[in-house]
Amino acid sequence: MAAVPEKAPAYSAWNPLGWYSAITTYKKTLGLPNPGITENLTKEARNTFLTNYFFEGGRADFTKVLSPNFQVTHTVSLATGGAPSTYNLAAVFAGADFLMHGTMDTDGILQSRLQYSWTPSLVTKAQLLITGLPNQNMLQAEADYQGVDYTLNAKAINPSPADNTGIYAGSYLQSVTKNLAVGLESIREKPPLGEERTRTSLLARYTAGPSITTLQWQGLDSLQATYHQKVNDRVEFASELQITTEGEKRGAVCTVGGKYEFRQATFRGQIDSNGKVMAVLEEKMAPGFSFLLTGEIDHLKGQNKVGVGLMLES
């Protein structure tokens, strides 16, 4: 007896599951990549700029690796610009699926972070800030879900279901081609005293070989655009444009920066349209020992800053 051919599934206009199955099947044929999490939308540009690397005055970091999963870091910052000297103790405990990080300084400020990967696609995070000052403590909880070609994120900061206050955010990032990903991010703010406010941003990330362009647009309120170019394994450049039209913050700032990897040193420099020039040099003197030198010249304000630091790891 001849085999009866299998009938193709019929996708009726009144069958949402049929449409979803058809769209999912079609998307798999495109081979679209995962666009990454929203938090890393401008990661390459941030790593080129000096925001996370600049410091003022004297600083010394001593890191002790106690086991493959556990390490502690002691940081001493000398008094500068009217600020007192401080000491900070940080500890990191990490495994294959989790990360625990905490810091405590001489002002009694405690910061902690917990991250856990339930599956390769689902990651939850929690951050806690305790300052001992009224209205200065913070609790943040979020979750990231990475599908084959999309990413979902949900975040809550100081949520209070009792009076419906707090900051709530959600974002969706979708790859539409192998080079382009677009998405939306919506933020709702409801302070204990004040009016509720909602903001929605358009997100876009375009990758073309060694260059990455990103866009975050909040309608008529603000615009942020970045461009990152990796020239080779040693040289990277980045630029950023920020435009704000809201209240007293109205204005525009353009920043251009570069990063160069020497054989035993890393140099970062940047300049912005406000006349501020910054530079950071990290020299690896020996395995586990680095010397840092930072400098900033603010031409409009006539202010200069210098920093000298040591980093030791054992």
Protein backbone atom coordinates (compact mmCIF):
# COMPACT_ATOMS: atom_id res chain seq x y z
CA MET A 1 0.00 0.00 0.00
CA ALA A 2 1.40 3.39 -0.95
CA ALA A 3 2.23 5.71 1.90
CA VAL A 4 -0.10 8.64 2.36
CA PRO A 5 1.88 11.91 2.04
CA GLU A 6 1.95 14.01 5.19
CA LYS A 7 -0.09 17.16 4.85
CA ALA A 8 1.62 20.49 5.57
CA PRO A 9 0.17 22.29 8.58
CA ALA A 10 -2.43 24.87 7.70
CA TYR A 11 -1.94 28.32 9.23
CA SER A 12 -5.33 29.90 9.61
CA ALA A 13 -5.68 33.63 10.13
CA TRP A 14 -7.73 32.76 13.22
CA ASN A 15 -5.06 30.50 14.72
CA PRO A 16 -2.44 32.58 16.61
CA LEU A 17 -0.41 29.47 17.47
CA GLY A 18 -0.15 28.64 13.80
CA TRP A 19 1.13 32.10 12.98
CA TYR A 20 3.65 31.95 15.85
CA SER A 21 4.92 28.56 14.65
CA ALA A 22 5.27 29.85 11.09
CA ILE A 23 7.19 32.96 12.20
CA THR A 24 9.47 30.91 14.46
CA THR A 25 10.25 28.47 11.65
CA TYR A 26 11.01 31.31 9.25
CA LYS A 27 13.30 33.08 11.74
CA LYS A 28 15.35 29.90 12.21
CA THR A 29 16.09 29.81 8.50
CA LEU A 30 17.60 33.32 8.69
CA GLY A 31 20.31 32.30 11.19
CA LEU A 32 20.07 35.55 13.16
CA PRO A 33 22.50 35.95 16.09
CA ASN A 34 21.61 36.88 19.65
CA PRO A 35 21.97 40.69 20.02
CA GLY A 36 23.35 40.51 23.58
CA ILE A 37 21.87 42.05 26.69
CA THR A 38 20.69 45.66 26.75
CA GLU A 39 23.23 46.52 29.45
CA ASN A 40 26.05 45.78 26.99
CA LEU A 41 24.61 47.83 24.14
CA THR A 42 27.52 50.32 24.32
CA LYS A 43 30.02 48.02 26.04
CA GLU A 44 32.82 48.43 23.48
CA ALA A 45 32.67 52.23 23.59
CA ARG A 46 32.58 52.29 27.41
CA ASN A 47 35.68 50.10 27.60
CA THR A 48 37.52 52.54 25.33
CA PHE A 49 36.56 55.65 27.32
CA LEU A 50 38.04 56.54 30.71
CA THR A 51 34.86 56.64 32.80
CA ASN A 52 35.62 53.42 34.70
CA TYR A 53 39.39 53.91 34.86
CA PHE A 54 40.02 57.51 35.95
CA PHE A 55 40.76 58.44 39.56
CA GLU A 56 42.27 61.43 41.35
CA GLY A 57 45.04 61.55 43.97
CA GLY A 58 46.87 58.48 45.22
CA ARG A 59 45.49 54.95 45.21
CA ALA A 60 46.80 51.48 45.92
CA ASP A 61 45.04 48.19 45.14
CA PHE A 62 46.21 44.89 46.61
CA THR A 63 44.45 41.73 45.40
CA LYS A 64 44.90 38.36 47.09
CA VAL A 65 43.68 35.24 45.27
CA LEU A 66 42.77 32.80 48.03
CA SER A 67 41.38 30.08 45.73
CA PRO A 68 40.32 29.69 42.10
CA ASN A 69 36.85 30.88 43.14
CA PHE A 70 37.58 33.42 45.87
CA GLN A 71 39.64 36.61 46.06
CA VAL A 72 39.77 39.78 48.16
CA THR A 73 40.96 43.28 47.23
CA HIS A 74 42.17 46.02 49.57
CA THR A 75 42.00 49.57 48.17
CA VAL A 76 43.50 52.64 49.87
CA SER A 77 42.78 56.11 48.50
CA LEU A 78 44.68 59.12 49.84
CA ALA A 79 42.95 62.36 50.76
CA THR A 80 42.53 64.79 47.86
CA GLY A 81 40.38 67.78 46.94
CA GLY A 82 38.96 68.06 50.46
CA ALA A 83 37.89 64.39 50.51
CA PRO A 84 39.33 62.27 53.36
CA SER A 85 41.42 59.15 52.89
CA THR A 86 39.37 55.97 52.50
CA TYR A 87 39.83 52.24 52.73
CA ASN A 88 37.72 49.76 50.78
CA LEU A 89 37.51 45.99 51.20
CA ALA A 90 36.10 43.96 48.31
CA ALA A 91 35.48 40.23 48.02
CA VAL A 92 34.48 38.11 45.02
CA PHE A 93 33.26 34.52 45.13
CA ALA A 94 32.39 33.00 41.76
CA GLY A 95 31.52 29.65 40.31
CA ALA A 96 30.36 28.25 37.00
CA ASP A 97 26.78 29.47 37.49
CA PHE A 98 26.99 32.23 40.09
CA LEU A 99 28.84 35.38 41.15
CA MET A 100 28.88 37.07 44.57
CA HIS A 101 30.62 40.43 44.98
CA GLY A 102 30.64 42.78 47.97
CA THR A 103 32.47 45.93 49.11
CA MET A 104 32.66 47.86 52.38
CA ASP A 105 34.44 51.19 52.94
CA THR A 106 35.40 53.33 55.91
CA ASP A 107 32.18 55.36 55.60
CA GLY A 108 30.17 52.23 56.35
CA ILE A 109 28.77 51.99 52.82
CA LEU A 110 28.03 48.39 51.85
CA GLN A 111 27.53 47.34 48.25
CA SER A 112 26.80 43.79 47.16
CA ARG A 113 25.89 42.01 43.96
CA LEU A 114 24.58 38.51 43.33
CA GLN A 115 24.24 36.90 39.91
CA TYR A 116 22.95 33.41 39.17
CA SER A 117 22.54 31.59 35.85
CA TRP A 118 19.54 29.27 36.08
CA THR A 119 20.05 28.13 32.48
CA PRO A 120 22.36 29.31 29.67
CA SER A 121 19.51 31.62 28.62
CA LEU A 122 18.15 32.88 31.96
CA VAL A 123 20.21 35.00 34.37
CA THR A 124 18.96 36.82 37.48
CA LYS A 125 20.82 39.60 39.28
CA ALA A 126 20.40 41.48 42.55
CA GLN A 127 22.24 44.55 43.85
CA LEU A 128 22.08 46.09 47.31
CA LEU A 129 23.40 49.44 48.57
CA ILE A 130 23.28 50.29 52.29
CA THR A 131 24.61 53.73 53.29
CA GLY A 132 23.10 54.35 56.73
CA LEU A 133 21.62 57.62 55.41
CA PRO A 134 17.87 58.14 54.97
CA ASN A 135 16.55 57.63 51.43
CA GLN A 136 19.99 56.64 50.15
CA ASN A 137 19.67 52.85 50.29
CA MET A 138 18.98 50.91 47.11
CA LEU A 139 17.74 47.48 46.13
CA GLN A 140 17.75 46.40 42.50
CA ALA A 141 16.54 43.12 41.04
CA GLU A 142 16.59 42.14 37.38
CA ALA A 143 16.40 39.21 35.01
CA ASP A 144 17.84 38.65 31.52
CA TYR A 145 16.49 36.09 29.08
CA GLN A 146 18.44 35.50 25.87
CA GLY A 147 16.62 33.72 23.08
CA VAL A 148 18.12 32.57 19.82
CA ASP A 149 17.84 36.02 18.21
CA TYR A 150 16.38 38.27 20.92
CA THR A 151 16.90 39.40 24.52
CA LEU A 152 14.38 40.33 27.22
CA ASN A 153 15.21 42.28 30.39
CA ALA A 154 13.08 43.21 33.40
CA LYS A 155 14.34 45.41 36.23
CA ALA A 156 12.97 46.86 39.47
CA ILE A 157 14.72 49.42 41.69
CA ASN A 158 13.46 49.97 45.25
CA PRO A 159 10.09 48.36 44.44
CA SER A 160 7.29 48.87 46.96
CA PRO A 161 4.08 47.04 46.03
CA ALA A 162 2.35 48.52 49.09
CA ASP A 163 2.27 52.09 47.72
CA ASN A 164 3.16 51.25 44.09
CA THR A 165 6.40 53.25 44.16
CA GLY A 166 9.81 52.50 42.70
CA ILE A 167 11.49 52.37 39.31
CA TYR A 168 10.47 49.63 36.89
CA ALA A 169 12.09 49.01 33.51
CA GLY A 170 11.70 46.52 30.71
CA SER A 171 13.51 46.15 27.41
CA TYR A 172 13.36 43.99 24.28
CA LEU A 173 16.20 43.72 21.76
CA GLN A 174 15.68 41.82 18.49
CA SER A 175 18.08 40.98 15.66
CA VAL A 176 16.42 41.85 12.35
CA THR A 177 19.47 41.04 10.22
CA LYS A 178 22.85 39.49 10.97
CA ASN A 179 24.24 43.02 11.48
CA LEU A 180 21.32 45.05 12.83
CA ALA A 181 19.42 44.73 16.12
CA VAL A 182 16.62 47.06 17.23
CA GLY A 183 14.53 47.25 20.37
CA LEU A 184 12.62 49.27 22.93
CA GLU A 185 13.21 50.14 26.57
CA SER A 186 10.48 51.53 28.82
CA ILE A 187 11.09 53.00 32.29
CA ARG A 188 8.40 53.91 34.82
CA GLU A 189 9.36 56.06 37.82
CA LYS A 190 7.01 56.59 40.76
CA PRO A 191 8.77 58.32 43.70
CA PRO A 192 7.15 58.40 47.15
CA LEU A 193 6.64 62.14 46.74
CA GLY A 194 6.19 63.34 43.19
CA GLU A 195 4.50 62.62 39.93
CA GLU A 196 4.71 59.38 38.03
CA ARG A 197 6.88 59.50 34.92
CA THR A 198 7.26 57.08 32.01
CA ARG A 199 9.99 57.13 29.37
CA THR A 200 10.37 54.96 26.30
CA SER A 201 13.60 54.69 24.32
CA LEU A 202 14.36 53.30 20.89
CA LEU A 203 17.48 51.11 20.82
CA ALA A 204 19.57 50.14 17.82
CA ARG A 205 22.93 48.43 17.32
CA TYR A 206 24.60 47.97 13.95
CA THR A 207 27.73 45.83 13.54
CA ALA A 208 29.77 45.99 10.35
CA GLY A 209 32.97 44.02 10.70
CA PRO A 210 35.24 45.80 13.20
CA SER A 211 32.89 48.78 13.68
CA ILE A 212 29.84 49.06 15.96
CA THR A 213 27.27 51.88 15.94
CA THR A 214 24.60 52.25 18.63
CA LEU A 215 21.64 54.57 19.15
CA GLN A 216 19.43 55.30 22.16
CA TRP A 217 16.65 57.78 21.41
CA GLN A 218 14.06 59.08 23.89
CA GLY A 219 12.00 61.14 21.48
CA LEU A 220 12.50 64.86 22.04
CA ASP A 221 14.10 64.40 25.47
CA SER A 222 17.52 62.92 24.73
CA LEU A 223 19.67 61.15 22.19
CA GLN A 224 22.82 59.09 22.67
CA ALA A 225 24.83 57.72 19.76
CA THR A 226 28.16 55.88 19.89
CA TYR A 227 30.61 54.61 17.32
CA HIS A 228 33.38 52.10 18.04
CA GLN A 229 36.11 51.10 15.63
CA LYS A 230 38.64 48.33 16.26
CA VAL A 231 41.59 49.15 14.02
CA ASN A 232 43.57 46.06 15.01
CA ASP A 233 44.31 43.96 18.09
CA ARG A 234 46.13 46.91 19.71
CA VAL A 235 44.22 50.04 18.64
CA GLU A 236 40.59 51.01 19.25
CA PHE A 237 38.72 54.29 18.83
CA ALA A 238 35.29 55.41 20.01
CA SER A 239 33.09 58.48 19.79
CA GLU A 240 29.90 59.44 21.60
CA LEU A 241 27.27 62.13 21.11
CA GLN A 242 24.83 63.00 23.88
CA ILE A 243 22.02 65.51 23.31
CA THR A 244 19.59 66.51 26.08
CA THR A 245 16.71 68.94 25.64
CA GLU A 246 15.13 68.51 29.07
CA GLY A 247 15.08 71.39 31.57
CA GLU A 248 18.35 72.65 33.00
CA LYS A 249 20.28 69.71 31.54
CA ARG A 250 19.73 71.00 28.02
CA GLY A 251 22.87 70.77 25.92
CA ALA A 252 25.07 68.53 23.79
CA VAL A 253 28.41 66.86 24.46
CA CYS A 254 30.61 65.06 21.95
CA THR A 255 33.41 62.79 23.21
CA VAL A 256 36.19 61.14 21.22
CA GLY A 257 38.57 58.60 22.78
CA GLY A 258 41.16 56.01 21.91
CA LYS A 259 42.88 52.99 23.43
CA TYR A 260 46.31 51.66 22.54
CA GLU A 261 47.81 48.40 23.81
CA PHE A 262 51.60 48.43 24.08
CA ARG A 263 53.57 45.30 24.85
CA GLN A 264 53.53 46.01 28.60
CA ALA A 265 51.23 49.02 28.89
CA THR A 266 47.76 50.29 28.06
CA PHE A 267 47.07 53.94 27.21
CA ARG A 268 43.63 55.54 27.07
CA GLY A 269 42.91 59.13 26.11
CA GLN A 270 39.82 61.18 25.36
CA ILE A 271 38.66 64.74 24.71
CA ASP A 272 35.16 66.21 24.72
CA SER A 273 33.47 69.33 23.36
CA ASN A 274 33.50 70.93 26.84
CA GLY A 275 37.28 71.28 26.61
CA LYS A 276 38.09 68.42 28.98
CA VAL A 277 41.11 66.26 28.15
CA MET A 278 41.76 63.02 30.06
CA ALA A 279 44.37 60.27 29.90
CA VAL A 280 45.16 57.04 31.77
CA LEU A 281 48.37 55.03 31.47
CA GLU A 282 48.71 51.56 33.00
CA GLU A 283 52.24 50.19 32.93
CA LYS A 284 52.76 46.51 33.77
CA MET A 285 56.08 46.64 35.62
CA ALA A 286 56.17 42.91 36.44
CA PRO A 287 53.73 39.98 36.57
CA GLY A 288 51.02 40.98 39.06
CA PHE A 289 52.38 44.53 39.52
CA SER A 290 51.13 47.61 37.62
CA PHE A 291 51.75 51.36 37.87
CA LEU A 292 48.94 53.78 36.93
CA LEU A 293 49.10 57.46 36.03
CA THR A 294 46.00 59.56 35.31
CA GLY A 295 45.54 63.18 34.31
CA GLU A 296 42.70 65.57 33.49
CA ILE A 297 42.74 69.14 32.18
CA ASP A 298 39.45 71.08 32.17
CA HIS A 299 40.17 74.13 30.02
CA LEU A 300 36.82 75.85 30.59
CA LYS A 301 36.90 75.55 34.40
CA GLY A 302 40.66 75.95 34.67
CA GLN A 303 40.97 72.80 36.82
CA ASN A 304 43.60 70.08 36.66
CA LYS A 305 43.59 66.63 38.28
CA VAL A 306 46.36 64.05 38.63
CA GLY A 307 46.29 60.52 39.96
CA VAL A 308 49.01 58.00 40.81
CA GLY A 309 48.23 54.39 41.64
CA LEU A 310 49.70 50.95 42.23
CA MET A 311 48.09 47.56 41.60
CA LEU A 312 49.53 44.41 43.17
CA GLU A 313 48.12 40.89 42.80
CA SER A 314 49.35 37.78 44.55
